[in-house]
Amino acid sequence: MSKRGKRKDDDDYVSDEDAPAKKTSKKDSDSDDDIVICELSRNRRVSVRIFQGKVVVDIREFYVKDGKQMPGKKGISLSMDQWNVLRDHVDEVDKAVGGGNS
């Protein structure tokens, strides 16, 4: 595999794939507009926030700077239309990865 296939910072993250996502409905202390829905791993979380006046579902990696959790560049913010399309296809994705019950 070429060097391009492996990201330099992949080793910085601990995989919590087998651990259940931590759910919370509290507001994130780092931003007044973010509502943290769940923590996917130590450095990844799903949140709902307002961005430029619109509600988005944000799936993002975080890093620590000066003792505070800060959002990183790696992530995606889905508009409500995009979120609804993804949500409507979750069963198909689940089936494709072998997790479907059908």
PDB file of N, CA and C in Angstrom:
ATOM      1  N   MET A   1       0.849  -1.186   0.000  1.00  0.00           N
ATOM      2  CA  MET A   1       0.000   0.000   0.000  1.00  0.00           C
ATOM      3  C   MET A   1       0.884   1.235   0.000  1.00  0.00           C
ATOM      4  N   SER A   2       0.505   2.214  -0.718  1.00  0.00           N
ATOM      5  CA  SER A   2       1.293   3.443  -0.779  1.00  0.00           C
ATOM      6  C   SER A   2       1.136   4.238   0.506  1.00  0.00           C
ATOM      7  N   LYS A   3       2.040   5.195   0.696  1.00  0.00           N
ATOM      8  CA  LYS A   3       1.955   6.050   1.878  1.00  0.00           C
ATOM      9  C   LYS A   3       0.658   6.820   1.916  1.00  0.00           C
ATOM     10  N   ARG A   4       0.100   7.076   0.748  1.00  0.00           N
ATOM     11  CA  ARG A   4      -1.130   7.841   0.670  1.00  0.00           C
ATOM     12  C   ARG A   4      -2.308   7.123   1.294  1.00  0.00           C
ATOM     13  N   GLY A   5      -2.257   5.788   1.332  1.00  0.00           N
ATOM     14  CA  GLY A   5      -3.371   4.999   1.857  1.00  0.00           C
ATOM     15  C   GLY A   5      -3.508   5.072   3.364  1.00  0.00           C
ATOM     16  N   LYS A   6      -2.455   5.418   4.063  1.00  0.00           N
ATOM     17  CA  LYS A   6      -2.495   5.481   5.526  1.00  0.00           C
ATOM     18  C   LYS A   6      -2.322   6.915   5.961  1.00  0.00           C
ATOM     19  N   ARG A   7      -3.268   7.393   6.722  1.00  0.00           N
ATOM     20  CA  ARG A   7      -3.168   8.766   7.212  1.00  0.00           C
ATOM     21  C   ARG A   7      -2.214   8.838   8.384  1.00  0.00           C
ATOM     22  N   LYS A   8      -1.453   9.890   8.428  1.00  0.00           N
ATOM     23  CA  LYS A   8      -0.444  10.094   9.460  1.00  0.00           C
ATOM     24  C   LYS A   8      -1.040  10.043  10.860  1.00  0.00           C
ATOM     25  N   ASP A   9      -2.227  10.610  11.041  1.00  0.00           N
ATOM     26  CA  ASP A   9      -2.785  10.723  12.382  1.00  0.00           C
ATOM     27  C   ASP A   9      -3.739   9.589  12.741  1.00  0.00           C
ATOM     28  N   ASP A  10      -3.817   8.517  11.930  1.00  0.00           N
ATOM     29  CA  ASP A  10      -4.690   7.399  12.266  1.00  0.00           C
ATOM     30  C   ASP A  10      -4.277   6.736  13.574  1.00  0.00           C
ATOM     31  N   ASP A  11      -2.987   6.776  13.901  1.00  0.00           N
ATOM     32  CA  ASP A  11      -2.509   6.142  15.116  1.00  0.00           C
ATOM     33  C   ASP A  11      -2.876   6.932  16.367  1.00  0.00           C
ATOM     34  N   ASP A  12      -3.332   8.157  16.215  1.00  0.00           N
ATOM     35  CA  ASP A  12      -3.662   9.000  17.355  1.00  0.00           C
ATOM     36  C   ASP A  12      -4.993   8.646  17.989  1.00  0.00           C
ATOM     37  N   TYR A  13      -5.797   7.827  17.339  1.00  0.00           N
ATOM     38  CA  TYR A  13      -7.139   7.552  17.821  1.00  0.00           C
ATOM     39  C   TYR A  13      -7.253   6.128  18.317  1.00  0.00           C
ATOM     40  N   VAL A  14      -7.927   5.972  19.437  1.00  0.00           N
ATOM     41  CA  VAL A  14      -8.185   4.670  20.001  1.00  0.00           C
ATOM     42  C   VAL A  14      -9.539   4.213  19.487  1.00  0.00           C
ATOM     43  N   SER A  15      -9.600   3.020  18.944  1.00  0.00           N
ATOM     44  CA  SER A  15     -10.852   2.518  18.399  1.00  0.00           C
ATOM     45  C   SER A  15     -11.747   2.022  19.530  1.00  0.00           C
ATOM     46  N   ASP A  16     -12.974   2.499  19.515  1.00  0.00           N
ATOM     47  CA  ASP A  16     -13.974   2.063  20.483  1.00  0.00           C
ATOM     48  C   ASP A  16     -15.123   1.392  19.749  1.00  0.00           C
ATOM     49  N   GLU A  17     -14.809   0.678  18.650  1.00  0.00           N
ATOM     50  CA  GLU A  17     -15.853   0.128  17.803  1.00  0.00           C
ATOM     51  C   GLU A  17     -16.759  -0.838  18.554  1.00  0.00           C
ATOM     52  N   ASP A  18     -16.224  -1.614  19.503  1.00  0.00           N
ATOM     53  CA  ASP A  18     -17.036  -2.582  20.215  1.00  0.00           C
ATOM     54  C   ASP A  18     -17.795  -1.967  21.378  1.00  0.00           C
ATOM     55  N   ALA A  19     -17.394  -0.791  21.801  1.00  0.00           N
ATOM     56  CA  ALA A  19     -18.063  -0.138  22.919  1.00  0.00           C
ATOM     57  C   ALA A  19     -19.341   0.538  22.430  1.00  0.00           C
ATOM     58  N   PRO A  20     -20.415   0.449  23.210  1.00  0.00           N
ATOM     59  CA  PRO A  20     -21.646   1.129  22.805  1.00  0.00           C
ATOM     60  C   PRO A  20     -21.467   2.636  22.848  1.00  0.00           C
ATOM     61  N   ALA A  21     -22.179   3.320  21.976  1.00  0.00           N
ATOM     62  CA  ALA A  21     -22.108   4.782  21.943  1.00  0.00           C
ATOM     63  C   ALA A  21     -22.695   5.348  23.219  1.00  0.00           C
ATOM     64  N   LYS A  22     -22.050   6.358  23.753  1.00  0.00           N
ATOM     65  CA  LYS A  22     -22.544   7.016  24.951  1.00  0.00           C
ATOM     66  C   LYS A  22     -23.571   8.050  24.535  1.00  0.00           C
ATOM     67  N   LYS A  23     -24.774   7.936  25.070  1.00  0.00           N
ATOM     68  CA  LYS A  23     -25.830   8.869  24.708  1.00  0.00           C
ATOM     69  C   LYS A  23     -25.990   9.909  25.801  1.00  0.00           C
ATOM     70  N   THR A  24     -26.250  11.120  25.374  1.00  0.00           N
ATOM     71  CA  THR A  24     -26.470  12.195  26.322  1.00  0.00           C
ATOM     72  C   THR A  24     -27.343  13.242  25.677  1.00  0.00           C
ATOM     73  N   SER A  25     -28.075  13.973  26.458  1.00  0.00           N
ATOM     74  CA  SER A  25     -28.899  15.035  25.893  1.00  0.00           C
ATOM     75  C   SER A  25     -28.492  16.380  26.460  1.00  0.00           C
ATOM     76  N   LYS A  26     -27.353  16.405  27.144  1.00  0.00           N
ATOM     77  CA  LYS A  26     -26.891  17.670  27.712  1.00  0.00           C
ATOM     78  C   LYS A  26     -26.242  18.533  26.644  1.00  0.00           C
ATOM     79  N   LYS A  27     -26.180  19.798  26.913  1.00  0.00           N
ATOM     80  CA  LYS A  27     -25.496  20.704  25.983  1.00  0.00           C
ATOM     81  C   LYS A  27     -24.001  20.573  26.173  1.00  0.00           C
ATOM     82  N   ASP A  28     -23.281  20.626  25.082  1.00  0.00           N
ATOM     83  CA  ASP A  28     -21.827  20.566  25.096  1.00  0.00           C
ATOM     84  C   ASP A  28     -21.283  21.843  25.721  1.00  0.00           C
ATOM     85  N   SER A  29     -20.356  21.706  26.622  1.00  0.00           N
ATOM     86  CA  SER A  29     -19.826  22.883  27.312  1.00  0.00           C
ATOM     87  C   SER A  29     -18.986  23.773  26.412  1.00  0.00           C
ATOM     88  N   ASP A  30     -18.470  23.233  25.292  1.00  0.00           N
ATOM     89  CA  ASP A  30     -17.620  24.018  24.406  1.00  0.00           C
ATOM     90  C   ASP A  30     -18.411  24.952  23.493  1.00  0.00           C
ATOM     91  N   SER A  31     -19.678  24.674  23.267  1.00  0.00           N
ATOM     92  CA  SER A  31     -20.477  25.508  22.380  1.00  0.00           C
ATOM     93  C   SER A  31     -21.906  25.543  22.873  1.00  0.00           C
ATOM     94  N   ASP A  32     -22.477  26.733  22.937  1.00  0.00           N
ATOM     95  CA  ASP A  32     -23.828  26.869  23.442  1.00  0.00           C
ATOM     96  C   ASP A  32     -24.869  26.325  22.477  1.00  0.00           C
ATOM     97  N   ASP A  33     -24.538  26.207  21.179  1.00  0.00           N
ATOM     98  CA  ASP A  33     -25.512  25.764  20.194  1.00  0.00           C
ATOM     99  C   ASP A  33     -25.467  24.267  19.913  1.00  0.00           C
ATOM    100  N   ASP A  34     -24.452  23.561  20.387  1.00  0.00           N
ATOM    101  CA  ASP A  34     -24.323  22.133  20.113  1.00  0.00           C
ATOM    102  C   ASP A  34     -25.066  21.307  21.148  1.00  0.00           C
ATOM    103  N   ILE A  35     -25.819  20.321  20.668  1.00  0.00           N
ATOM    104  CA  ILE A  35     -26.435  19.330  21.541  1.00  0.00           C
ATOM    105  C   ILE A  35     -25.777  18.006  21.187  1.00  0.00           C
ATOM    106  N   VAL A  36     -24.990  17.459  22.087  1.00  0.00           N
ATOM    107  CA  VAL A  36     -24.284  16.214  21.832  1.00  0.00           C
ATOM    108  C   VAL A  36     -25.288  15.071  21.953  1.00  0.00           C
ATOM    109  N   ILE A  37     -25.423  14.315  20.880  1.00  0.00           N
ATOM    110  CA  ILE A  37     -26.349  13.193  20.845  1.00  0.00           C
ATOM    111  C   ILE A  37     -25.665  11.935  21.360  1.00  0.00           C
ATOM    112  N   CYS A  38     -24.462  11.638  20.849  1.00  0.00           N
ATOM    113  CA  CYS A  38     -23.716  10.491  21.353  1.00  0.00           C
ATOM    114  C   CYS A  38     -22.239  10.640  21.020  1.00  0.00           C
ATOM    115  N   GLU A  39     -21.427   9.962  21.804  1.00  0.00           N
ATOM    116  CA  GLU A  39     -19.996   9.894  21.554  1.00  0.00           C
ATOM    117  C   GLU A  39     -19.728   8.552  20.898  1.00  0.00           C
ATOM    118  N   LEU A  40     -19.236   8.580  19.658  1.00  0.00           N
ATOM    119  CA  LEU A  40     -18.956   7.351  18.930  1.00  0.00           C
ATOM    120  C   LEU A  40     -17.686   6.685  19.439  1.00  0.00           C
ATOM    121  N   SER A  41     -16.741   7.485  19.854  1.00  0.00           N
ATOM    122  CA  SER A  41     -15.491   7.011  20.449  1.00  0.00           C
ATOM    123  C   SER A  41     -14.930   8.167  21.263  1.00  0.00           C
ATOM    124  N   ARG A  42     -13.725   8.000  21.740  1.00  0.00           N
ATOM    125  CA  ARG A  42     -13.127   9.034  22.578  1.00  0.00           C
ATOM    126  C   ARG A  42     -13.040  10.379  21.857  1.00  0.00           C
ATOM    127  N   ASN A  43     -12.768  10.348  20.552  1.00  0.00           N
ATOM    128  CA  ASN A  43     -12.544  11.581  19.801  1.00  0.00           C
ATOM    129  C   ASN A  43     -13.594  11.874  18.741  1.00  0.00           C
ATOM    130  N   ARG A  44     -14.658  11.083  18.677  1.00  0.00           N
ATOM    131  CA  ARG A  44     -15.682  11.280  17.653  1.00  0.00           C
ATOM    132  C   ARG A  44     -17.047  11.387  18.305  1.00  0.00           C
ATOM    133  N   ARG A  45     -17.848  12.335  17.799  1.00  0.00           N
ATOM    134  CA  ARG A  45     -19.188  12.484  18.356  1.00  0.00           C
ATOM    135  C   ARG A  45     -20.183  12.952  17.319  1.00  0.00           C
ATOM    136  N   VAL A  46     -21.436  12.682  17.621  1.00  0.00           N
ATOM    137  CA  VAL A  46     -22.553  13.135  16.795  1.00  0.00           C
ATOM    138  C   VAL A  46     -23.259  14.225  17.581  1.00  0.00           C
ATOM    139  N   SER A  47     -23.509  15.350  16.923  1.00  0.00           N
ATOM    140  CA  SER A  47     -24.215  16.439  17.591  1.00  0.00           C
ATOM    141  C   SER A  47     -25.161  17.108  16.604  1.00  0.00           C
ATOM    142  N   VAL A  48     -26.110  17.831  17.161  1.00  0.00           N
ATOM    143  CA  VAL A  48     -27.029  18.639  16.371  1.00  0.00           C
ATOM    144  C   VAL A  48     -26.729  20.082  16.735  1.00  0.00           C
ATOM    145  N   ARG A  49     -26.590  20.927  15.719  1.00  0.00           N
ATOM    146  CA  ARG A  49     -26.250  22.314  15.988  1.00  0.00           C
ATOM    147  C   ARG A  49     -26.851  23.235  14.935  1.00  0.00           C
ATOM    148  N   ILE A  50     -26.773  24.498  15.200  1.00  0.00           N
ATOM    149  CA  ILE A  50     -27.202  25.516  14.253  1.00  0.00           C
ATOM    150  C   ILE A  50     -25.950  26.033  13.540  1.00  0.00           C
ATOM    151  N   PHE A  51     -25.958  25.980  12.205  1.00  0.00           N
ATOM    152  CA  PHE A  51     -24.843  26.502  11.418  1.00  0.00           C
ATOM    153  C   PHE A  51     -25.423  27.427  10.356  1.00  0.00           C
ATOM    154  N   GLN A  52     -25.039  28.674  10.398  1.00  0.00           N
ATOM    155  CA  GLN A  52     -25.531  29.703   9.485  1.00  0.00           C
ATOM    156  C   GLN A  52     -27.057  29.719   9.450  1.00  0.00           C
ATOM    157  N   GLY A  53     -27.643  29.595  10.637  1.00  0.00           N
ATOM    158  CA  GLY A  53     -29.087  29.685  10.771  1.00  0.00           C
ATOM    159  C   GLY A  53     -29.854  28.423  10.430  1.00  0.00           C
ATOM    160  N   LYS A  54     -29.157  27.336  10.114  1.00  0.00           N
ATOM    161  CA  LYS A  54     -29.822  26.088   9.753  1.00  0.00           C
ATOM    162  C   LYS A  54     -29.390  24.974  10.688  1.00  0.00           C
ATOM    163  N   VAL A  55     -30.316  24.059  10.982  1.00  0.00           N
ATOM    164  CA  VAL A  55     -30.028  22.907  11.831  1.00  0.00           C
ATOM    165  C   VAL A  55     -29.262  21.880  11.008  1.00  0.00           C
ATOM    166  N   VAL A  56     -28.156  21.376  11.574  1.00  0.00           N
ATOM    167  CA  VAL A  56     -27.359  20.347  10.914  1.00  0.00           C
ATOM    168  C   VAL A  56     -27.044  19.228  11.898  1.00  0.00           C
ATOM    169  N   VAL A  57     -26.868  18.017  11.356  1.00  0.00           N
ATOM    170  CA  VAL A  57     -26.375  16.877  12.121  1.00  0.00           C
ATOM    171  C   VAL A  57     -24.895  16.799  11.828  1.00  0.00           C
ATOM    172  N   ASP A  58     -24.088  16.919  12.863  1.00  0.00           N
ATOM    173  CA  ASP A  58     -22.639  17.015  12.718  1.00  0.00           C
ATOM    174  C   ASP A  58     -21.993  15.746  13.253  1.00  0.00           C
ATOM    175  N   ILE A  59     -21.231  15.055  12.406  1.00  0.00           N
ATOM    176  CA  ILE A  59     -20.470  13.874  12.807  1.00  0.00           C
ATOM    177  C   ILE A  59     -19.012  14.271  12.636  1.00  0.00           C
ATOM    178  N   ARG A  60     -18.285  14.380  13.747  1.00  0.00           N
ATOM    179  CA  ARG A  60     -16.988  15.041  13.685  1.00  0.00           C
ATOM    180  C   ARG A  60     -15.987  14.450  14.678  1.00  0.00           C
ATOM    181  N   GLU A  61     -14.710  14.555  14.326  1.00  0.00           N
ATOM    182  CA  GLU A  61     -13.618  14.222  15.236  1.00  0.00           C
ATOM    183  C   GLU A  61     -13.247  15.470  16.028  1.00  0.00           C
ATOM    184  N   PHE A  62     -12.834  15.268  17.257  1.00  0.00           N
ATOM    185  CA  PHE A  62     -12.428  16.358  18.144  1.00  0.00           C
ATOM    186  C   PHE A  62     -11.002  16.126  18.617  1.00  0.00           C
ATOM    187  N   TYR A  63     -10.356  17.199  19.009  1.00  0.00           N
ATOM    188  CA  TYR A  63      -9.017  17.123  19.585  1.00  0.00           C
ATOM    189  C   TYR A  63      -8.989  18.012  20.819  1.00  0.00           C
ATOM    190  N   VAL A  64      -7.977  17.812  21.653  1.00  0.00           N
ATOM    191  CA  VAL A  64      -7.852  18.588  22.882  1.00  0.00           C
ATOM    192  C   VAL A  64      -6.823  19.685  22.678  1.00  0.00           C
ATOM    193  N   LYS A  65      -7.217  20.925  22.997  1.00  0.00           N
ATOM    194  CA  LYS A  65      -6.312  22.071  22.933  1.00  0.00           C
ATOM    195  C   LYS A  65      -6.519  22.883  24.198  1.00  0.00           C
ATOM    196  N   ASP A  66      -5.464  23.084  24.939  1.00  0.00           N
ATOM    197  CA  ASP A  66      -5.521  23.835  26.192  1.00  0.00           C
ATOM    198  C   ASP A  66      -6.581  23.278  27.130  1.00  0.00           C
ATOM    199  N   GLY A  67      -6.690  21.942  27.160  1.00  0.00           N
ATOM    200  CA  GLY A  67      -7.629  21.287  28.064  1.00  0.00           C
ATOM    201  C   GLY A  67      -9.084  21.305  27.619  1.00  0.00           C
ATOM    202  N   LYS A  68      -9.361  21.825  26.430  1.00  0.00           N
ATOM    203  CA  LYS A  68     -10.734  21.886  25.928  1.00  0.00           C
ATOM    204  C   LYS A  68     -10.883  21.021  24.684  1.00  0.00           C
ATOM    205  N   GLN A  69     -12.039  20.393  24.541  1.00  0.00           N
ATOM    206  CA  GLN A  69     -12.364  19.639  23.332  1.00  0.00           C
ATOM    207  C   GLN A  69     -12.702  20.618  22.218  1.00  0.00           C
ATOM    208  N   MET A  70     -11.994  20.512  21.093  1.00  0.00           N
ATOM    209  CA  MET A  70     -12.202  21.404  19.962  1.00  0.00           C
ATOM    210  C   MET A  70     -12.569  20.580  18.731  1.00  0.00           C
ATOM    211  N   PRO A  71     -13.500  21.073  17.899  1.00  0.00           N
ATOM    212  CA  PRO A  71     -13.862  20.332  16.689  1.00  0.00           C
ATOM    213  C   PRO A  71     -12.733  20.365  15.674  1.00  0.00           C
ATOM    214  N   GLY A  72     -12.493  19.229  15.046  1.00  0.00           N
ATOM    215  CA  GLY A  72     -11.459  19.139  14.025  1.00  0.00           C
ATOM    216  C   GLY A  72     -12.026  19.334  12.629  1.00  0.00           C
ATOM    217  N   LYS A  73     -11.157  19.280  11.648  1.00  0.00           N
ATOM    218  CA  LYS A  73     -11.559  19.425  10.252  1.00  0.00           C
ATOM    219  C   LYS A  73     -12.233  18.167   9.724  1.00  0.00           C
ATOM    220  N   LYS A  74     -11.881  17.020  10.296  1.00  0.00           N
ATOM    221  CA  LYS A  74     -12.421  15.754   9.808  1.00  0.00           C
ATOM    222  C   LYS A  74     -13.839  15.565  10.334  1.00  0.00           C
ATOM    223  N   GLY A  75     -14.772  15.562   9.427  1.00  0.00           N
ATOM    224  CA  GLY A  75     -16.151  15.365   9.808  1.00  0.00           C
ATOM    225  C   GLY A  75     -17.077  15.814   8.708  1.00  0.00           C
ATOM    226  N   ILE A  76     -18.360  15.686   8.973  1.00  0.00           N
ATOM    227  CA  ILE A  76     -19.367  16.076   8.004  1.00  0.00           C
ATOM    228  C   ILE A  76     -20.551  16.682   8.729  1.00  0.00           C
ATOM    229  N   SER A  77     -21.098  17.721   8.136  1.00  0.00           N
ATOM    230  CA  SER A  77     -22.320  18.337   8.640  1.00  0.00           C
ATOM    231  C   SER A  77     -23.408  18.074   7.613  1.00  0.00           C
ATOM    232  N   LEU A  78     -24.448  17.371   8.022  1.00  0.00           N
ATOM    233  CA  LEU A  78     -25.538  17.025   7.120  1.00  0.00           C
ATOM    234  C   LEU A  78     -26.705  17.980   7.318  1.00  0.00           C
ATOM    235  N   SER A  79     -27.210  18.518   6.212  1.00  0.00           N
ATOM    236  CA  SER A  79     -28.429  19.323   6.288  1.00  0.00           C
ATOM    237  C   SER A  79     -29.577  18.391   6.666  1.00  0.00           C
ATOM    238  N   MET A  80     -30.724  18.937   6.993  1.00  0.00           N
ATOM    239  CA  MET A  80     -31.868  18.099   7.353  1.00  0.00           C
ATOM    240  C   MET A  80     -32.291  17.220   6.177  1.00  0.00           C
ATOM    241  N   ASP A  81     -32.226  17.742   4.945  1.00  0.00           N
ATOM    242  CA  ASP A  81     -32.557  16.926   3.769  1.00  0.00           C
ATOM    243  C   ASP A  81     -31.588  15.756   3.628  1.00  0.00           C
ATOM    244  N   GLN A  82     -30.292  16.022   3.797  1.00  0.00           N
ATOM    245  CA  GLN A  82     -29.289  14.968   3.704  1.00  0.00           C
ATOM    246  C   GLN A  82     -29.458  13.959   4.838  1.00  0.00           C
ATOM    247  N   TRP A  83     -29.725  14.438   6.037  1.00  0.00           N
ATOM    248  CA  TRP A  83     -29.933  13.556   7.185  1.00  0.00           C
ATOM    249  C   TRP A  83     -31.125  12.636   6.938  1.00  0.00           C
ATOM    250  N   ASN A  84     -32.213  13.186   6.395  1.00  0.00           N
ATOM    251  CA  ASN A  84     -33.404  12.377   6.134  1.00  0.00           C
ATOM    252  C   ASN A  84     -33.130  11.297   5.093  1.00  0.00           C
ATOM    253  N   VAL A  85     -32.345  11.601   4.058  1.00  0.00           N
ATOM    254  CA  VAL A  85     -31.982  10.597   3.058  1.00  0.00           C
ATOM    255  C   VAL A  85     -31.152   9.497   3.708  1.00  0.00           C
ATOM    256  N   LEU A  86     -30.157   9.871   4.497  1.00  0.00           N
ATOM    257  CA  LEU A  86     -29.322   8.878   5.175  1.00  0.00           C
ATOM    258  C   LEU A  86     -30.164   8.027   6.118  1.00  0.00           C
ATOM    259  N   ARG A  87     -30.994   8.659   6.911  1.00  0.00           N
ATOM    260  CA  ARG A  87     -31.846   7.945   7.871  1.00  0.00           C
ATOM    261  C   ARG A  87     -32.746   6.945   7.160  1.00  0.00           C
ATOM    262  N   ASP A  88     -33.282   7.337   5.998  1.00  0.00           N
ATOM    263  CA  ASP A  88     -34.177   6.451   5.248  1.00  0.00           C
ATOM    264  C   ASP A  88     -33.452   5.245   4.657  1.00  0.00           C
ATOM    265  N   HIS A  89     -32.126   5.302   4.577  1.00  0.00           N
ATOM    266  CA  HIS A  89     -31.353   4.209   3.987  1.00  0.00           C
ATOM    267  C   HIS A  89     -30.514   3.433   5.004  1.00  0.00           C
ATOM    268  N   VAL A  90     -30.753   3.644   6.268  1.00  0.00           N
ATOM    269  CA  VAL A  90     -29.969   2.966   7.308  1.00  0.00           C
ATOM    270  C   VAL A  90     -30.120   1.452   7.217  1.00  0.00           C
ATOM    271  N   ASP A  91     -31.322   0.962   6.961  1.00  0.00           N
ATOM    272  CA  ASP A  91     -31.523  -0.489   6.863  1.00  0.00           C
ATOM    273  C   ASP A  91     -30.710  -1.087   5.720  1.00  0.00           C
ATOM    274  N   GLU A  92     -30.634  -0.375   4.593  1.00  0.00           N
ATOM    275  CA  GLU A  92     -29.864  -0.856   3.452  1.00  0.00           C
ATOM    276  C   GLU A  92     -28.363  -0.873   3.774  1.00  0.00           C
ATOM    277  N   VAL A  93     -27.880   0.152   4.450  1.00  0.00           N
ATOM    278  CA  VAL A  93     -26.475   0.204   4.846  1.00  0.00           C
ATOM    279  C   VAL A  93     -26.183  -0.935   5.824  1.00  0.00           C
ATOM    280  N   ASP A  94     -27.062  -1.119   6.789  1.00  0.00           N
ATOM    281  CA  ASP A  94     -26.897  -2.168   7.785  1.00  0.00           C
ATOM    282  C   ASP A  94     -26.841  -3.541   7.122  1.00  0.00           C
ATOM    283  N   LYS A  95     -27.713  -3.756   6.172  1.00  0.00           N
ATOM    284  CA  LYS A  95     -27.730  -5.029   5.448  1.00  0.00           C
ATOM    285  C   LYS A  95     -26.436  -5.211   4.650  1.00  0.00           C
ATOM    286  N   ALA A  96     -25.942  -4.141   4.030  1.00  0.00           N
ATOM    287  CA  ALA A  96     -24.729  -4.220   3.221  1.00  0.00           C
ATOM    288  C   ALA A  96     -23.499  -4.543   4.048  1.00  0.00           C
ATOM    289  N   VAL A  97     -23.474  -4.110   5.285  1.00  0.00           N
ATOM    290  CA  VAL A  97     -22.311  -4.399   6.141  1.00  0.00           C
ATOM    291  C   VAL A  97     -22.494  -5.680   6.936  1.00  0.00           C
ATOM    292  N   GLY A  98     -23.586  -6.387   6.693  1.00  0.00           N
ATOM    293  CA  GLY A  98     -23.789  -7.683   7.329  1.00  0.00           C
ATOM    294  C   GLY A  98     -24.508  -7.618   8.658  1.00  0.00           C
ATOM    295  N   GLY A  99     -25.073  -6.484   8.993  1.00  0.00           N
ATOM    296  CA  GLY A  99     -25.763  -6.360  10.280  1.00  0.00           C
ATOM    297  C   GLY A  99     -27.265  -6.474  10.183  1.00  0.00           C
ATOM    298  N   GLY A 100     -27.789  -6.665   8.988  1.00  0.00           N
ATOM    299  CA  GLY A 100     -29.237  -6.729   8.794  1.00  0.00           C
ATOM    300  C   GLY A 100     -29.822  -8.047   9.270  1.00  0.00           C
ATOM    301  N   ASN A 101     -31.045  -8.009   9.715  1.00  0.00           N
ATOM    302  CA  ASN A 101     -31.726  -9.221  10.186  1.00  0.00           C
ATOM    303  C   ASN A 101     -32.516  -9.890   9.081  1.00  0.00           C
ATOM    304  N   SER A 102     -32.524  -9.320   7.879  1.00  0.00           N
ATOM    305  CA  SER A 102     -33.331  -9.872   6.778  1.00  0.00           C
ATOM    306  C   SER A 102     -32.593 -10.963   6.052  1.00  0.00           C
TER     307      SER A 102
END
